[in-house]
Amino acid sequence: MIETDIKADLERLTGLKAYPLGLPSDVLEGVIYQRISDPKVLTGLAKTSLVQSRFQITFQIPNDYAKALKLEALVLKDWENITHGHIGSYPVQTVQRGAFMQSREEQTDKRVIFRVMRDFVLTYPEDAT
């Protein structure tokens, strides 16, 4: 399961805790990851175990928009350079950048939550261990 390696690599790169699907209710800062889709790679008649999964990675930072942008750029720079490499110890063929989104949410105590989201399309063998 590639999610375990994605979590570890996001934590290594950002220095923040990473969580699947959303942050716990008592946590304001962190990285969120989730698989959005994972169609098999079409190769004509040859069967393959390769999938092209789209993962959405969200960098949620309170009161520091610049930090959220820097963390996204850091992961983008590292992952976009992967060609026949690894995320953590999981083999990955390629990583492509996808959609980019941002949001701002005002909370009580004059706190602002900034979210910078990036989609990554990872091509990898689904059956890797």
C-alpha atoms as a PDB file:
ATOM      1  CA  MET A   1       0.000   0.000   0.000  1.00  0.00           C
ATOM      2  CA  ILE A   2       1.660   3.185  -1.232  1.00  0.00           C
ATOM      3  CA  GLU A   3      -0.129   5.414   1.308  1.00  0.00           C
ATOM      4  CA  THR A   4       2.225   4.320   4.097  1.00  0.00           C
ATOM      5  CA  ASP A   5       5.242   5.466   2.086  1.00  0.00           C
ATOM      6  CA  ILE A   6       3.527   8.695   1.006  1.00  0.00           C
ATOM      7  CA  LYS A   7       2.826   9.535   4.659  1.00  0.00           C
ATOM      8  CA  ALA A   8       6.428   8.860   5.693  1.00  0.00           C
ATOM      9  CA  ASP A   9       7.874  10.845   2.782  1.00  0.00           C
ATOM     10  CA  LEU A  10       5.595  13.837   3.378  1.00  0.00           C
ATOM     11  CA  GLU A  11       6.641  13.871   7.041  1.00  0.00           C
ATOM     12  CA  ARG A  12      10.316  13.601   6.070  1.00  0.00           C
ATOM     13  CA  LEU A  13      10.099  16.449   3.558  1.00  0.00           C
ATOM     14  CA  THR A  14       7.931  18.871   5.546  1.00  0.00           C
ATOM     15  CA  GLY A  15       8.766  18.100   9.162  1.00  0.00           C
ATOM     16  CA  LEU A  16       5.008  18.042   9.856  1.00  0.00           C
ATOM     17  CA  LYS A  17       2.718  15.158  10.755  1.00  0.00           C
ATOM     18  CA  ALA A  18       0.761  13.752   7.807  1.00  0.00           C
ATOM     19  CA  TYR A  19      -2.758  12.352   8.080  1.00  0.00           C
ATOM     20  CA  PRO A  20      -5.056  10.481   5.696  1.00  0.00           C
ATOM     21  CA  LEU A  21      -8.282  12.264   4.652  1.00  0.00           C
ATOM     22  CA  GLY A  22      -8.222  15.042   7.272  1.00  0.00           C
ATOM     23  CA  LEU A  23      -6.550  16.422  10.363  1.00  0.00           C
ATOM     24  CA  PRO A  24      -7.721  15.284  13.799  1.00  0.00           C
ATOM     25  CA  SER A  25     -10.090  17.784  15.432  1.00  0.00           C
ATOM     26  CA  ASP A  26      -7.428  18.943  17.895  1.00  0.00           C
ATOM     27  CA  VAL A  27      -4.737  19.558  15.228  1.00  0.00           C
ATOM     28  CA  LEU A  28      -4.500  22.793  13.216  1.00  0.00           C
ATOM     29  CA  GLU A  29      -1.250  22.282  11.286  1.00  0.00           C
ATOM     30  CA  GLY A  30      -0.278  19.335   9.147  1.00  0.00           C
ATOM     31  CA  VAL A  31      -0.352  17.595   5.798  1.00  0.00           C
ATOM     32  CA  ILE A  32      -3.397  15.718   4.522  1.00  0.00           C
ATOM     33  CA  TYR A  33      -3.193  13.082   1.799  1.00  0.00           C
ATOM     34  CA  GLN A  34      -5.870  11.109   0.002  1.00  0.00           C
ATOM     35  CA  ARG A  35      -6.186   8.955  -3.078  1.00  0.00           C
ATOM     36  CA  ILE A  36      -8.750  10.433  -5.459  1.00  0.00           C
ATOM     37  CA  SER A  37      -8.631   7.903  -8.305  1.00  0.00           C
ATOM     38  CA  ASP A  38      -6.477   4.999  -9.492  1.00  0.00           C
ATOM     39  CA  PRO A  39      -7.244   3.773 -13.019  1.00  0.00           C
ATOM     40  CA  LYS A  40      -5.064   1.091 -14.569  1.00  0.00           C
ATOM     41  CA  VAL A  41      -2.609   2.206 -17.244  1.00  0.00           C
ATOM     42  CA  LEU A  42      -3.923   1.322 -20.691  1.00  0.00           C
ATOM     43  CA  THR A  43      -1.232  -0.447 -22.698  1.00  0.00           C
ATOM     44  CA  GLY A  44      -3.235  -1.983 -25.506  1.00  0.00           C
ATOM     45  CA  LEU A  45      -3.336  -5.772 -25.377  1.00  0.00           C
ATOM     46  CA  ALA A  46      -0.567  -6.265 -22.818  1.00  0.00           C
ATOM     47  CA  LYS A  47      -1.736  -6.580 -19.229  1.00  0.00           C
ATOM     48  CA  THR A  48       0.149  -4.585 -16.639  1.00  0.00           C
ATOM     49  CA  SER A  49      -0.096  -3.916 -12.923  1.00  0.00           C
ATOM     50  CA  LEU A  50       0.650  -0.209 -13.395  1.00  0.00           C
ATOM     51  CA  VAL A  51      -1.874   2.317 -12.131  1.00  0.00           C
ATOM     52  CA  GLN A  52      -1.979   6.095 -12.441  1.00  0.00           C
ATOM     53  CA  SER A  53      -3.279   7.254  -9.094  1.00  0.00           C
ATOM     54  CA  ARG A  54      -4.229  10.828  -8.404  1.00  0.00           C
ATOM     55  CA  PHE A  55      -3.405  11.877  -4.861  1.00  0.00           C
ATOM     56  CA  GLN A  56      -4.450  15.188  -3.389  1.00  0.00           C
ATOM     57  CA  ILE A  57      -1.962  16.590  -0.883  1.00  0.00           C
ATOM     58  CA  THR A  58      -3.112  19.469   1.327  1.00  0.00           C
ATOM     59  CA  PHE A  59      -0.763  21.623   3.382  1.00  0.00           C
ATOM     60  CA  GLN A  60      -2.760  23.219   6.203  1.00  0.00           C
ATOM     61  CA  ILE A  61      -0.964  25.965   8.093  1.00  0.00           C
ATOM     62  CA  PRO A  62      -2.500  28.469  10.530  1.00  0.00           C
ATOM     63  CA  ASN A  63      -1.554  32.143  10.087  1.00  0.00           C
ATOM     64  CA  ASP A  64       1.301  31.542   7.616  1.00  0.00           C
ATOM     65  CA  TYR A  65       0.351  31.502   3.940  1.00  0.00           C
ATOM     66  CA  ALA A  66       3.985  31.723   2.819  1.00  0.00           C
ATOM     67  CA  LYS A  67       4.888  28.574   4.786  1.00  0.00           C
ATOM     68  CA  ALA A  68       2.042  26.631   3.162  1.00  0.00           C
ATOM     69  CA  LEU A  69       3.277  27.687  -0.290  1.00  0.00           C
ATOM     70  CA  LYS A  70       6.888  26.787   0.548  1.00  0.00           C
ATOM     71  CA  LEU A  71       5.937  23.310   1.767  1.00  0.00           C
ATOM     72  CA  GLU A  72       3.947  22.612  -1.404  1.00  0.00           C
ATOM     73  CA  ALA A  73       6.878  23.779  -3.545  1.00  0.00           C
ATOM     74  CA  LEU A  74       9.285  21.591  -1.558  1.00  0.00           C
ATOM     75  CA  VAL A  75       7.265  18.415  -2.127  1.00  0.00           C
ATOM     76  CA  LEU A  76       6.617  19.335  -5.771  1.00  0.00           C
ATOM     77  CA  LYS A  77      10.333  19.813  -6.444  1.00  0.00           C
ATOM     78  CA  ASP A  78      11.237  16.504  -4.808  1.00  0.00           C
ATOM     79  CA  TRP A  79       8.481  14.356  -6.305  1.00  0.00           C
ATOM     80  CA  GLU A  80       8.521  15.806  -9.841  1.00  0.00           C
ATOM     81  CA  ASN A  81      12.110  14.623 -10.211  1.00  0.00           C
ATOM     82  CA  ILE A  82      11.131  10.979  -9.675  1.00  0.00           C
ATOM     83  CA  THR A  83      11.567   8.805 -12.758  1.00  0.00           C
ATOM     84  CA  HIS A  84      11.847   5.080 -12.085  1.00  0.00           C
ATOM     85  CA  GLY A  85      12.548   5.857  -8.447  1.00  0.00           C
ATOM     86  CA  HIS A  86      10.806   5.590  -5.102  1.00  0.00           C
ATOM     87  CA  ILE A  87       8.546   7.432  -2.716  1.00  0.00           C
ATOM     88  CA  GLY A  88       9.820   6.076   0.547  1.00  0.00           C
ATOM     89  CA  SER A  89      10.590   2.476  -0.369  1.00  0.00           C
ATOM     90  CA  TYR A  90       7.663   2.116  -2.788  1.00  0.00           C
ATOM     91  CA  PRO A  91       8.680   1.926  -6.478  1.00  0.00           C
ATOM     92  CA  VAL A  92       7.258   4.737  -8.602  1.00  0.00           C
ATOM     93  CA  GLN A  93       7.622   5.099 -12.373  1.00  0.00           C
ATOM     94  CA  THR A  94       6.740   8.783 -12.712  1.00  0.00           C
ATOM     95  CA  VAL A  95       5.134  11.665 -10.844  1.00  0.00           C
ATOM     96  CA  GLN A  96       3.238  14.409 -12.660  1.00  0.00           C
ATOM     97  CA  ARG A  97       1.842  17.593 -11.200  1.00  0.00           C
ATOM     98  CA  GLY A  98      -1.894  18.099 -11.324  1.00  0.00           C
ATOM     99  CA  ALA A  99      -4.391  20.703 -10.187  1.00  0.00           C
ATOM    100  CA  PHE A 100      -3.434  23.428  -7.714  1.00  0.00           C
ATOM    101  CA  MET A 101      -5.953  24.933  -5.288  1.00  0.00           C
ATOM    102  CA  GLN A 102      -5.889  27.249  -2.296  1.00  0.00           C
ATOM    103  CA  SER A 103      -8.297  28.268   0.430  1.00  0.00           C
ATOM    104  CA  ARG A 104      -8.434  30.610   3.396  1.00  0.00           C
ATOM    105  CA  GLU A 105     -10.679  30.151   6.431  1.00  0.00           C
ATOM    106  CA  GLU A 106     -11.048  32.694   9.210  1.00  0.00           C
ATOM    107  CA  GLN A 107     -11.545  31.232  12.659  1.00  0.00           C
ATOM    108  CA  THR A 108     -12.063  32.618  16.125  1.00  0.00           C
ATOM    109  CA  ASP A 109      -9.180  34.198  18.045  1.00  0.00           C
ATOM    110  CA  LYS A 110      -8.136  36.078  14.864  1.00  0.00           C
ATOM    111  CA  ARG A 111      -6.684  32.865  13.447  1.00  0.00           C
ATOM    112  CA  VAL A 112      -6.634  32.187   9.704  1.00  0.00           C
ATOM    113  CA  ILE A 113      -6.216  28.673   8.325  1.00  0.00           C
ATOM    114  CA  PHE A 114      -4.471  28.527   4.955  1.00  0.00           C
ATOM    115  CA  ARG A 115      -4.738  25.421   2.793  1.00  0.00           C
ATOM    116  CA  VAL A 116      -2.603  24.851  -0.275  1.00  0.00           C
ATOM    117  CA  MET A 117      -3.592  21.743  -2.228  1.00  0.00           C
ATOM    118  CA  ARG A 118      -1.760  20.008  -5.050  1.00  0.00           C
ATOM    119  CA  ASP A 119      -2.777  16.942  -7.031  1.00  0.00           C
ATOM    120  CA  PHE A 120      -0.032  14.499  -7.959  1.00  0.00           C
ATOM    121  CA  VAL A 121      -0.489  11.735 -10.527  1.00  0.00           C
ATOM    122  CA  LEU A 122       1.722   8.806  -9.552  1.00  0.00           C
ATOM    123  CA  THR A 123       2.374   5.909 -11.912  1.00  0.00           C
ATOM    124  CA  TYR A 124       3.384   2.802  -9.997  1.00  0.00           C
ATOM    125  CA  PRO A 125       2.911  -0.983  -9.898  1.00  0.00           C
ATOM    126  CA  GLU A 126      -0.176  -1.704  -7.846  1.00  0.00           C
ATOM    127  CA  ASP A 127       1.168  -5.056  -6.704  1.00  0.00           C
ATOM    128  CA  ALA A 128       4.527  -3.812  -5.354  1.00  0.00           C
ATOM    129  CA  THR A 129       5.413  -4.728  -1.785  1.00  0.00           C
END
